[in-house]
């Protein structure tokens, strides 16, 4: 039996099919959580809350355009929720009041890793911290491309921007990320 596409499942969800909804949630929960986790700088609880908000938004839809690819649409909803969250006055005030050291400490994963993963965890934390320092438009494109495996066209559809803009943001973002991580890389060599 052939597995149904996301678009077919979403069409079924619009008719009240709970099994189709469960299939969509099962299929997209983990990757969406990973995307949001990277986007918000490693805050697991916030990431989980945003996944739930995204899925609730999908569930509340009255109509669905089956011709529009589901995955870019889902990630567009999630990305917009992150943008809305960071635009809120409470979050801006919190970031202004906290000093830079507290913010950087918050970005690191506080759970201890096994010895054999110590170096990889340290490098991962440094990459997360560097990603968090990038401008939002560059960070979103990099996370969608390298962590979520989106094609350039899917990124353009998700963010509703021209393909050329995606390529430009990806190029600039990768260049800036490399320059931020260059001192770390020299320390490893």
N, C-alpha and C. Protein backbone atom coordinates (compact mmCIF):
# COMPACT_ATOMS: atom_id res chain seq x y z
N UNK A 1 0.84 -1.18 0.00
CA UNK A 1 0.00 0.00 0.00
C UNK A 1 0.88 1.24 0.00
N UNK A 2 0.57 2.19 -0.86
CA UNK A 2 1.38 3.39 -1.01
C UNK A 2 1.04 4.41 0.07
N UNK A 3 2.07 5.04 0.62
CA UNK A 3 1.88 6.04 1.65
C UNK A 3 1.30 7.31 1.03
N UNK A 4 0.34 7.92 1.72
CA UNK A 4 -0.30 9.13 1.20
C UNK A 4 0.62 10.33 1.35
N UNK A 5 0.53 11.25 0.39
CA UNK A 5 1.35 12.46 0.43
C UNK A 5 0.83 13.39 1.53
N UNK A 6 1.66 14.35 1.88
CA UNK A 6 1.26 15.34 2.88
C UNK A 6 0.01 16.09 2.42
N UNK A 7 -0.02 16.41 1.14
CA UNK A 7 -1.14 17.17 0.59
C UNK A 7 -2.44 16.35 0.69
N UNK A 8 -2.36 15.05 0.39
CA UNK A 8 -3.53 14.19 0.51
C UNK A 8 -3.98 14.07 1.97
N UNK A 9 -3.00 13.96 2.87
CA UNK A 9 -3.33 13.87 4.29
C UNK A 9 -4.00 15.16 4.77
N UNK A 10 -3.47 16.30 4.34
CA UNK A 10 -4.05 17.58 4.77
C UNK A 10 -5.46 17.74 4.24
N UNK A 11 -5.71 17.31 3.03
CA UNK A 11 -7.06 17.36 2.47
C UNK A 11 -8.00 16.49 3.32
N UNK A 12 -7.51 15.34 3.75
CA UNK A 12 -8.31 14.46 4.60
C UNK A 12 -8.54 15.10 5.98
N UNK A 13 -7.53 15.81 6.50
CA UNK A 13 -7.68 16.49 7.78
C UNK A 13 -8.81 17.52 7.70
N UNK A 14 -8.93 18.18 6.57
CA UNK A 14 -9.99 19.19 6.38
C UNK A 14 -11.39 18.57 6.46
N UNK A 15 -11.48 17.26 6.21
CA UNK A 15 -12.78 16.58 6.31
C UNK A 15 -12.97 15.95 7.69
N UNK A 16 -12.01 16.16 8.61
CA UNK A 16 -12.15 15.65 9.96
C UNK A 16 -11.48 14.31 10.22
N UNK A 17 -10.63 13.87 9.32
CA UNK A 17 -9.95 12.58 9.45
C UNK A 17 -8.83 12.68 10.50
N UNK A 18 -9.06 12.11 11.67
CA UNK A 18 -8.10 12.17 12.77
C UNK A 18 -6.86 11.31 12.51
N UNK A 19 -7.03 10.23 11.78
CA UNK A 19 -5.89 9.36 11.45
C UNK A 19 -4.93 10.11 10.54
N UNK A 20 -5.47 10.88 9.59
CA UNK A 20 -4.63 11.68 8.70
C UNK A 20 -3.87 12.74 9.50
N UNK A 21 -4.54 13.34 10.47
CA UNK A 21 -3.88 14.33 11.32
C UNK A 21 -2.74 13.69 12.11
N UNK A 22 -3.01 12.52 12.68
CA UNK A 22 -1.97 11.82 13.44
C UNK A 22 -0.78 11.48 12.54
N UNK A 23 -1.05 11.09 11.30
CA UNK A 23 0.04 10.79 10.36
C UNK A 23 0.88 12.02 10.07
N UNK A 24 0.23 13.17 9.85
CA UNK A 24 0.97 14.41 9.60
C UNK A 24 1.81 14.81 10.80
N UNK A 25 1.23 14.71 11.98
CA UNK A 25 1.96 15.08 13.20
C UNK A 25 3.16 14.15 13.39
N UNK A 26 2.95 12.86 13.22
CA UNK A 26 4.04 11.89 13.36
C UNK A 26 5.15 12.17 12.36
N UNK A 27 4.78 12.48 11.15
CA UNK A 27 5.74 12.71 10.07
C UNK A 27 6.55 14.00 10.26
N UNK A 28 5.92 15.03 10.81
CA UNK A 28 6.58 16.34 10.81
C UNK A 28 6.99 16.87 12.18
N UNK A 29 6.56 16.25 13.25
CA UNK A 29 6.86 16.77 14.59
C UNK A 29 8.36 16.87 14.84
N UNK A 30 9.08 15.79 14.66
CA UNK A 30 10.52 15.78 14.95
C UNK A 30 11.32 16.78 14.11
N UNK A 31 11.18 16.73 12.79
CA UNK A 31 11.93 17.70 11.97
C UNK A 31 11.55 19.16 12.27
N UNK A 32 10.28 19.41 12.53
CA UNK A 32 9.84 20.77 12.84
C UNK A 32 10.41 21.22 14.18
N UNK A 33 10.44 20.32 15.15
CA UNK A 33 11.03 20.64 16.45
C UNK A 33 12.51 20.98 16.29
N UNK A 34 13.23 20.20 15.51
CA UNK A 34 14.65 20.48 15.29
C UNK A 34 14.87 21.83 14.62
N UNK A 35 14.04 22.14 13.65
CA UNK A 35 14.13 23.42 12.95
C UNK A 35 13.91 24.57 13.93
N UNK A 36 12.85 24.49 14.70
CA UNK A 36 12.53 25.57 15.63
C UNK A 36 13.58 25.67 16.75
N UNK A 37 14.10 24.55 17.20
CA UNK A 37 15.13 24.53 18.23
C UNK A 37 16.35 25.33 17.77
N UNK A 38 16.76 25.11 16.54
CA UNK A 38 17.91 25.83 16.00
C UNK A 38 17.58 27.31 15.78
N UNK A 39 16.36 27.56 15.38
CA UNK A 39 15.96 28.93 15.07
C UNK A 39 15.87 29.81 16.31
N UNK A 40 15.47 29.23 17.44
CA UNK A 40 15.31 30.02 18.66
C UNK A 40 16.53 29.94 19.57
N UNK A 41 17.61 29.36 19.10
CA UNK A 41 18.86 29.37 19.86
C UNK A 41 18.97 28.30 20.92
N UNK A 42 18.28 27.19 20.75
CA UNK A 42 18.47 26.06 21.67
C UNK A 42 17.53 26.03 22.85
N UNK A 43 16.45 26.76 22.83
CA UNK A 43 15.46 26.74 23.92
C UNK A 43 14.45 25.63 23.63
N UNK A 44 14.61 24.49 24.28
CA UNK A 44 13.78 23.31 24.02
C UNK A 44 12.30 23.56 24.32
N UNK A 45 12.01 24.16 25.47
CA UNK A 45 10.62 24.39 25.85
C UNK A 45 9.94 25.33 24.87
N UNK A 46 10.60 26.40 24.49
CA UNK A 46 10.04 27.34 23.52
C UNK A 46 9.81 26.64 22.18
N UNK A 47 10.76 25.80 21.78
CA UNK A 47 10.63 25.07 20.52
C UNK A 47 9.40 24.16 20.54
N UNK A 48 9.21 23.45 21.63
CA UNK A 48 8.06 22.56 21.76
C UNK A 48 6.75 23.35 21.74
N UNK A 49 6.74 24.49 22.41
CA UNK A 49 5.55 25.34 22.40
C UNK A 49 5.23 25.82 20.99
N UNK A 50 6.27 26.21 20.25
CA UNK A 50 6.07 26.70 18.89
C UNK A 50 5.61 25.60 17.94
N UNK A 51 6.09 24.37 18.16
CA UNK A 51 5.61 23.24 17.35
C UNK A 51 4.11 23.05 17.59
N UNK A 52 3.71 23.08 18.85
CA UNK A 52 2.29 22.92 19.16
C UNK A 52 1.46 24.04 18.54
N UNK A 53 1.94 25.27 18.65
CA UNK A 53 1.23 26.40 18.05
C UNK A 53 1.11 26.24 16.54
N UNK A 54 2.18 25.78 15.92
CA UNK A 54 2.17 25.56 14.47
C UNK A 54 1.13 24.53 14.08
N UNK A 55 1.14 23.40 14.79
CA UNK A 55 0.20 22.34 14.48
C UNK A 55 -1.25 22.75 14.78
N UNK A 56 -1.45 23.54 15.83
CA UNK A 56 -2.79 24.06 16.11
C UNK A 56 -3.25 25.00 15.01
N UNK A 57 -2.33 25.81 14.51
CA UNK A 57 -2.66 26.71 13.41
C UNK A 57 -3.09 25.91 12.18
N UNK A 58 -2.37 24.84 11.90
CA UNK A 58 -2.73 23.97 10.76
C UNK A 58 -4.11 23.37 10.98
N UNK A 59 -4.36 22.92 12.19
CA UNK A 59 -5.65 22.28 12.50
C UNK A 59 -6.82 23.26 12.41
N UNK A 60 -6.57 24.52 12.72
CA UNK A 60 -7.62 25.54 12.70
C UNK A 60 -7.96 26.03 11.30
N UNK A 61 -7.19 25.62 10.32
CA UNK A 61 -7.44 26.07 8.96
C UNK A 61 -8.82 25.63 8.49
N UNK A 62 -9.53 26.53 7.88
CA UNK A 62 -10.86 26.23 7.34
C UNK A 62 -10.76 25.66 5.93
N UNK A 63 -9.72 26.08 5.22
CA UNK A 63 -9.51 25.61 3.85
C UNK A 63 -8.05 25.28 3.66
N UNK A 64 -7.79 24.46 2.68
CA UNK A 64 -6.41 24.12 2.34
C UNK A 64 -6.33 24.04 0.82
N UNK A 65 -5.36 24.72 0.26
CA UNK A 65 -5.13 24.69 -1.18
C UNK A 65 -4.25 23.48 -1.48
N UNK A 66 -4.85 22.42 -1.96
CA UNK A 66 -4.11 21.17 -2.20
C UNK A 66 -3.00 21.34 -3.23
N UNK A 67 -3.10 22.36 -4.07
CA UNK A 67 -2.06 22.59 -5.08
C UNK A 67 -0.78 23.13 -4.45
N UNK A 68 -0.88 23.76 -3.26
CA UNK A 68 0.30 24.31 -2.60
C UNK A 68 1.01 23.19 -1.82
N UNK A 69 2.31 23.05 -2.01
CA UNK A 69 3.03 22.01 -1.27
C UNK A 69 2.89 22.21 0.24
N UNK A 70 2.64 21.13 0.96
CA UNK A 70 2.36 21.19 2.38
C UNK A 70 3.57 21.60 3.21
N UNK A 71 4.72 20.99 2.96
CA UNK A 71 5.89 21.21 3.80
C UNK A 71 6.34 22.67 3.82
N UNK A 72 6.48 23.33 2.67
CA UNK A 72 6.83 24.76 2.73
C UNK A 72 5.77 25.60 3.46
N UNK A 73 4.50 25.24 3.29
CA UNK A 73 3.42 25.94 3.97
C UNK A 73 3.54 25.78 5.48
N UNK A 74 3.80 24.56 5.93
CA UNK A 74 3.95 24.27 7.36
C UNK A 74 5.12 25.07 7.95
N UNK A 75 6.25 25.05 7.25
CA UNK A 75 7.43 25.76 7.76
C UNK A 75 7.26 27.27 7.68
N UNK A 76 6.47 27.76 6.75
CA UNK A 76 6.17 29.20 6.70
C UNK A 76 5.37 29.60 7.94
N UNK A 77 4.42 28.77 8.33
CA UNK A 77 3.64 29.04 9.54
C UNK A 77 4.57 29.07 10.75
N UNK A 78 5.43 28.08 10.87
CA UNK A 78 6.35 28.00 12.01
C UNK A 78 7.30 29.21 12.03
N UNK A 79 7.83 29.56 10.88
CA UNK A 79 8.76 30.69 10.78
C UNK A 79 8.06 31.99 11.19
N UNK A 80 6.83 32.17 10.74
CA UNK A 80 6.09 33.37 11.10
C UNK A 80 5.78 33.42 12.59
N UNK A 81 5.51 32.27 13.20
CA UNK A 81 5.28 32.25 14.65
C UNK A 81 6.55 32.64 15.41
N UNK A 82 7.71 32.18 14.94
CA UNK A 82 8.98 32.56 15.57
C UNK A 82 9.18 34.06 15.44
N UNK A 83 8.95 34.59 14.26
CA UNK A 83 9.10 36.03 14.05
C UNK A 83 8.17 36.81 14.97
N UNK A 84 6.93 36.38 15.07
CA UNK A 84 5.97 37.05 15.96
C UNK A 84 6.43 36.98 17.41
N UNK A 85 6.95 35.84 17.80
CA UNK A 85 7.42 35.68 19.17
C UNK A 85 8.54 36.68 19.47
N UNK A 86 9.51 36.77 18.58
CA UNK A 86 10.64 37.65 18.84
C UNK A 86 10.30 39.13 18.66
N UNK A 87 9.19 39.41 18.00
CA UNK A 87 8.76 40.80 17.87
C UNK A 87 7.98 41.27 19.09
N UNK A 88 7.54 40.35 19.91
CA UNK A 88 6.72 40.73 21.06
C UNK A 88 7.53 41.60 22.02
N UNK A 89 6.87 42.53 22.63
CA UNK A 89 7.53 43.49 23.52
C UNK A 89 8.19 42.80 24.71
N UNK A 90 7.57 41.77 25.25
CA UNK A 90 8.12 41.09 26.42
C UNK A 90 9.47 40.45 26.11
N UNK A 91 9.59 39.84 24.93
CA UNK A 91 10.84 39.19 24.57
C UNK A 91 11.93 40.23 24.31
N UNK A 92 11.57 41.31 23.61
CA UNK A 92 12.56 42.36 23.36
C UNK A 92 13.06 42.94 24.67
N UNK A 93 12.16 43.16 25.62
CA UNK A 93 12.54 43.72 26.91
C UNK A 93 13.46 42.75 27.67
N UNK A 94 13.14 41.47 27.62
CA UNK A 94 13.97 40.46 28.29
C UNK A 94 15.38 40.45 27.72
N UNK A 95 15.51 40.54 26.39
CA UNK A 95 16.83 40.53 25.75
C UNK A 95 17.60 41.81 26.09
N UNK A 96 16.89 42.95 26.24
CA UNK A 96 17.57 44.19 26.58
C UNK A 96 18.07 44.16 28.01
N UNK A 97 17.27 43.60 28.92
CA UNK A 97 17.63 43.60 30.33
C UNK A 97 18.75 42.63 30.66
N UNK A 98 18.79 41.48 30.00
CA UNK A 98 19.82 40.48 30.26
C UNK A 98 21.15 40.93 29.69
N UNK A 99 22.24 40.63 30.42
CA UNK A 99 23.52 41.02 29.85
C UNK A 99 23.97 39.98 28.83
N UNK A 100 24.94 40.32 28.04
CA UNK A 100 25.37 39.48 26.92
C UNK A 100 25.84 38.11 27.40
N UNK A 101 26.50 38.06 28.55
CA UNK A 101 27.01 36.77 29.04
C UNK A 101 25.86 35.83 29.39
N UNK A 102 24.81 36.34 30.02
CA UNK A 102 23.65 35.52 30.34
C UNK A 102 22.99 34.98 29.09
N UNK A 103 22.90 35.82 28.08
CA UNK A 103 22.30 35.39 26.81
C UNK A 103 23.12 34.27 26.19
N UNK A 104 24.44 34.42 26.17
CA UNK A 104 25.29 33.38 25.58
C UNK A 104 25.23 32.09 26.38
N UNK A 105 25.18 32.19 27.69
CA UNK A 105 25.07 30.98 28.51
C UNK A 105 23.76 30.27 28.26
N UNK A 106 22.71 31.00 28.00
CA UNK A 106 21.40 30.42 27.72
C UNK A 106 21.40 29.65 26.40
N UNK A 107 22.26 30.05 25.49
CA UNK A 107 22.29 29.40 24.18
C UNK A 107 22.89 28.01 24.24
N UNK A 108 23.73 27.75 25.20
CA UNK A 108 24.39 26.45 25.27
C UNK A 108 23.48 25.41 25.89
N UNK A 109 23.57 24.21 25.39
CA UNK A 109 22.81 23.09 25.92
C UNK A 109 23.43 22.73 27.27
N UNK A 110 22.64 22.77 28.34
CA UNK A 110 23.19 22.57 29.68
C UNK A 110 23.36 21.10 30.06
N UNK A 111 22.78 20.18 29.32
CA UNK A 111 22.91 18.77 29.66
C UNK A 111 24.32 18.28 29.36
N UNK A 112 24.91 17.54 30.30
CA UNK A 112 26.25 17.01 30.05
C UNK A 112 26.22 15.92 28.98
N UNK A 113 27.25 15.87 28.18
CA UNK A 113 27.32 14.85 27.14
C UNK A 113 28.34 13.80 27.54
N UNK A 114 28.24 12.60 26.99
CA UNK A 114 29.23 11.56 27.28
C UNK A 114 30.61 11.99 26.78
N UNK A 115 31.66 11.39 27.37
CA UNK A 115 33.03 11.78 27.01
C UNK A 115 33.31 11.66 25.51
N UNK A 116 32.82 10.59 24.91
CA UNK A 116 33.11 10.39 23.49
C UNK A 116 32.43 11.41 22.60
N UNK A 117 31.46 12.13 23.15
CA UNK A 117 30.76 13.16 22.37
C UNK A 117 31.15 14.57 22.80
N UNK A 118 32.09 14.71 23.69
CA UNK A 118 32.43 16.02 24.25
C UNK A 118 32.85 17.02 23.17
N UNK A 119 33.74 16.62 22.30
CA UNK A 119 34.20 17.55 21.27
C UNK A 119 33.09 17.91 20.31
N UNK A 120 32.30 16.93 19.89
CA UNK A 120 31.19 17.21 18.97
C UNK A 120 30.17 18.12 19.62
N UNK A 121 29.90 17.90 20.90
CA UNK A 121 28.92 18.74 21.61
C UNK A 121 29.44 20.17 21.73
N UNK A 122 30.74 20.30 22.01
CA UNK A 122 31.33 21.64 22.13
C UNK A 122 31.25 22.38 20.80
N UNK A 123 31.57 21.69 19.72
CA UNK A 123 31.50 22.32 18.41
C UNK A 123 30.04 22.65 18.05
N UNK A 124 29.12 21.76 18.40
CA UNK A 124 27.71 22.03 18.14
C UNK A 124 27.22 23.26 18.88
N UNK A 125 27.66 23.42 20.12
CA UNK A 125 27.29 24.60 20.89
C UNK A 125 27.85 25.86 20.26
N UNK A 126 29.06 25.77 19.78
CA UNK A 126 29.68 26.94 19.14
C UNK A 126 28.95 27.29 17.84
N UNK A 127 28.54 26.28 17.10
CA UNK A 127 27.78 26.54 15.87
C UNK A 127 26.42 27.15 16.22
N UNK A 128 25.74 26.61 17.25
CA UNK A 128 24.45 27.19 17.67
C UNK A 128 24.61 28.64 18.08
N UNK A 129 25.67 28.92 18.85
CA UNK A 129 25.90 30.30 19.29
C UNK A 129 26.18 31.21 18.10
N UNK A 130 26.95 30.72 17.14
CA UNK A 130 27.24 31.52 15.94
C UNK A 130 25.97 31.72 15.12
N UNK A 131 25.15 30.68 14.98
CA UNK A 131 23.88 30.81 14.26
C UNK A 131 22.99 31.85 14.92
N UNK A 132 22.97 31.85 16.24
CA UNK A 132 22.12 32.80 16.96
C UNK A 132 22.57 34.24 16.74
N UNK A 133 23.83 34.44 16.39
CA UNK A 133 24.34 35.78 16.15
C UNK A 133 24.03 36.29 14.75
N UNK A 134 23.68 35.39 13.84
CA UNK A 134 23.34 35.80 12.48
C UNK A 134 22.02 36.55 12.47
N UNK A 135 21.89 37.44 11.49
CA UNK A 135 20.60 38.09 11.30
C UNK A 135 19.55 37.03 10.99
N UNK A 136 18.32 37.28 11.40
CA UNK A 136 17.25 36.29 11.28
C UNK A 136 17.07 35.78 9.85
N UNK A 137 17.10 36.67 8.86
CA UNK A 137 16.84 36.23 7.49
C UNK A 137 17.92 35.27 6.98
N UNK A 138 19.16 35.45 7.42
CA UNK A 138 20.23 34.52 7.04
C UNK A 138 20.10 33.20 7.80
N UNK A 139 19.80 33.31 9.11
CA UNK A 139 19.69 32.12 9.96
C UNK A 139 18.58 31.19 9.47
N UNK A 140 17.44 31.75 9.12
CA UNK A 140 16.32 30.93 8.67
C UNK A 140 16.68 30.15 7.42
N UNK A 141 17.30 30.81 6.46
CA UNK A 141 17.67 30.15 5.20
C UNK A 141 18.70 29.04 5.45
N UNK A 142 19.68 29.31 6.30
CA UNK A 142 20.71 28.30 6.60
C UNK A 142 20.11 27.09 7.30
N UNK A 143 19.24 27.31 8.27
CA UNK A 143 18.64 26.20 9.00
C UNK A 143 17.74 25.37 8.08
N UNK A 144 16.95 26.05 7.25
CA UNK A 144 16.09 25.31 6.32
C UNK A 144 16.93 24.48 5.35
N UNK A 145 18.01 25.02 4.86
CA UNK A 145 18.82 24.34 3.85
C UNK A 145 19.64 23.20 4.44
N UNK A 146 20.41 23.49 5.48
CA UNK A 146 21.39 22.52 5.96
C UNK A 146 20.87 21.60 7.07
N UNK A 147 19.93 22.06 7.84
CA UNK A 147 19.42 21.21 8.92
C UNK A 147 18.12 20.51 8.53
N UNK A 148 17.29 21.16 7.72
CA UNK A 148 16.02 20.57 7.34
C UNK A 148 16.06 19.94 5.95
N UNK A 149 17.10 20.21 5.18
CA UNK A 149 17.26 19.59 3.88
C UNK A 149 16.34 20.14 2.81
N UNK A 150 15.85 21.34 2.98
CA UNK A 150 14.98 21.96 1.97
C UNK A 150 15.78 22.29 0.72
N UNK A 151 15.15 22.17 -0.43
CA UNK A 151 15.76 22.63 -1.67
C UNK A 151 15.66 24.15 -1.68
N UNK A 152 16.43 24.78 -2.56
CA UNK A 152 16.37 26.23 -2.67
C UNK A 152 14.96 26.69 -3.06
N UNK A 153 14.32 25.93 -3.95
CA UNK A 153 12.96 26.27 -4.37
C UNK A 153 11.98 26.15 -3.21
N UNK A 154 12.12 25.12 -2.39
CA UNK A 154 11.24 24.96 -1.23
C UNK A 154 11.43 26.10 -0.24
N UNK A 155 12.66 26.56 -0.07
CA UNK A 155 12.92 27.69 0.82
C UNK A 155 12.23 28.94 0.27
N UNK A 156 12.35 29.16 -1.03
CA UNK A 156 11.70 30.31 -1.66
C UNK A 156 10.19 30.26 -1.45
N UNK A 157 9.60 29.08 -1.60
CA UNK A 157 8.15 28.93 -1.40
C UNK A 157 7.77 29.13 0.06
N UNK A 158 8.58 28.60 0.96
CA UNK A 158 8.30 28.72 2.39
C UNK A 158 8.32 30.18 2.84
N UNK A 159 9.34 30.90 2.41
CA UNK A 159 9.51 32.28 2.85
C UNK A 159 8.82 33.28 1.93
N UNK A 160 8.31 32.78 0.82
CA UNK A 160 7.64 33.61 -0.19
C UNK A 160 8.54 34.75 -0.65
N UNK A 161 9.76 34.35 -1.04
CA UNK A 161 10.73 35.29 -1.59
C UNK A 161 11.28 34.71 -2.88
N UNK A 162 11.88 35.55 -3.74
CA UNK A 162 12.43 35.04 -5.00
C UNK A 162 13.60 34.07 -4.76
N UNK A 163 13.79 33.16 -5.70
CA UNK A 163 14.86 32.18 -5.62
C UNK A 163 16.22 32.87 -5.53
N UNK A 164 16.42 33.94 -6.26
CA UNK A 164 17.68 34.69 -6.21
C UNK A 164 17.98 35.24 -4.83
N UNK A 165 16.93 35.66 -4.12
CA UNK A 165 17.10 36.17 -2.76
C UNK A 165 17.53 35.04 -1.83
N UNK A 166 16.96 33.86 -2.02
CA UNK A 166 17.36 32.69 -1.22
C UNK A 166 18.84 32.40 -1.44
N UNK A 167 19.26 32.38 -2.69
CA UNK A 167 20.67 32.10 -3.01
C UNK A 167 21.58 33.15 -2.39
N UNK A 168 21.19 34.40 -2.47
CA UNK A 168 22.00 35.48 -1.91
C UNK A 168 22.10 35.36 -0.39
N UNK A 169 20.96 35.15 0.26
CA UNK A 169 20.97 35.04 1.73
C UNK A 169 21.77 33.82 2.18
N UNK A 170 21.67 32.74 1.44
CA UNK A 170 22.43 31.54 1.79
C UNK A 170 23.92 31.80 1.66
N UNK A 171 24.31 32.43 0.57
CA UNK A 171 25.73 32.72 0.35
C UNK A 171 26.28 33.65 1.42
N UNK A 172 25.59 34.74 1.67
CA UNK A 172 26.05 35.71 2.67
C UNK A 172 26.05 35.07 4.06
N UNK A 173 24.98 34.34 4.39
CA UNK A 173 24.88 33.71 5.70
C UNK A 173 25.98 32.71 5.95
N UNK A 174 26.27 31.87 4.96
CA UNK A 174 27.34 30.88 5.11
C UNK A 174 28.69 31.58 5.26
N UNK A 175 28.90 32.62 4.47
CA UNK A 175 30.16 33.38 4.57
C UNK A 175 30.32 33.98 5.97
N UNK A 176 29.27 34.57 6.49
CA UNK A 176 29.34 35.19 7.83
C UNK A 176 29.51 34.12 8.91
N UNK A 177 28.85 33.00 8.74
CA UNK A 177 28.99 31.91 9.71
C UNK A 177 30.42 31.39 9.72
N UNK A 178 30.99 31.21 8.54
CA UNK A 178 32.39 30.76 8.45
C UNK A 178 33.34 31.74 9.12
N UNK A 179 33.12 33.02 8.91
CA UNK A 179 34.02 34.01 9.52
C UNK A 179 33.88 34.02 11.04
N UNK A 180 32.67 33.79 11.55
CA UNK A 180 32.48 33.72 13.01
C UNK A 180 33.13 32.47 13.59
N UNK A 181 33.11 31.38 12.83
CA UNK A 181 33.64 30.11 13.33
C UNK A 181 35.13 29.92 13.02
N UNK A 182 35.73 30.81 12.25
CA UNK A 182 37.14 30.68 11.89
C UNK A 182 38.06 30.62 13.11
N UNK A 183 37.88 31.49 14.10
CA UNK A 183 38.73 31.39 15.30
C UNK A 183 38.58 30.06 16.04
N UNK A 184 37.37 29.54 16.06
CA UNK A 184 37.13 28.24 16.72
C UNK A 184 37.84 27.14 15.95
N UNK A 185 37.77 27.18 14.63
CA UNK A 185 38.41 26.18 13.79
C UNK A 185 39.92 26.20 13.95
N UNK A 186 40.50 27.38 14.07
CA UNK A 186 41.96 27.49 14.27
C UNK A 186 42.38 26.86 15.58
N UNK A 187 41.52 26.97 16.62
CA UNK A 187 41.82 26.37 17.91
C UNK A 187 41.80 24.87 17.87
N UNK A 188 41.04 24.27 16.93
CA UNK A 188 40.93 22.81 16.79
C UNK A 188 42.14 22.25 16.05
N UNK A 189 42.62 22.98 15.07
CA UNK A 189 43.74 22.49 14.23
C UNK A 189 45.03 22.36 14.95
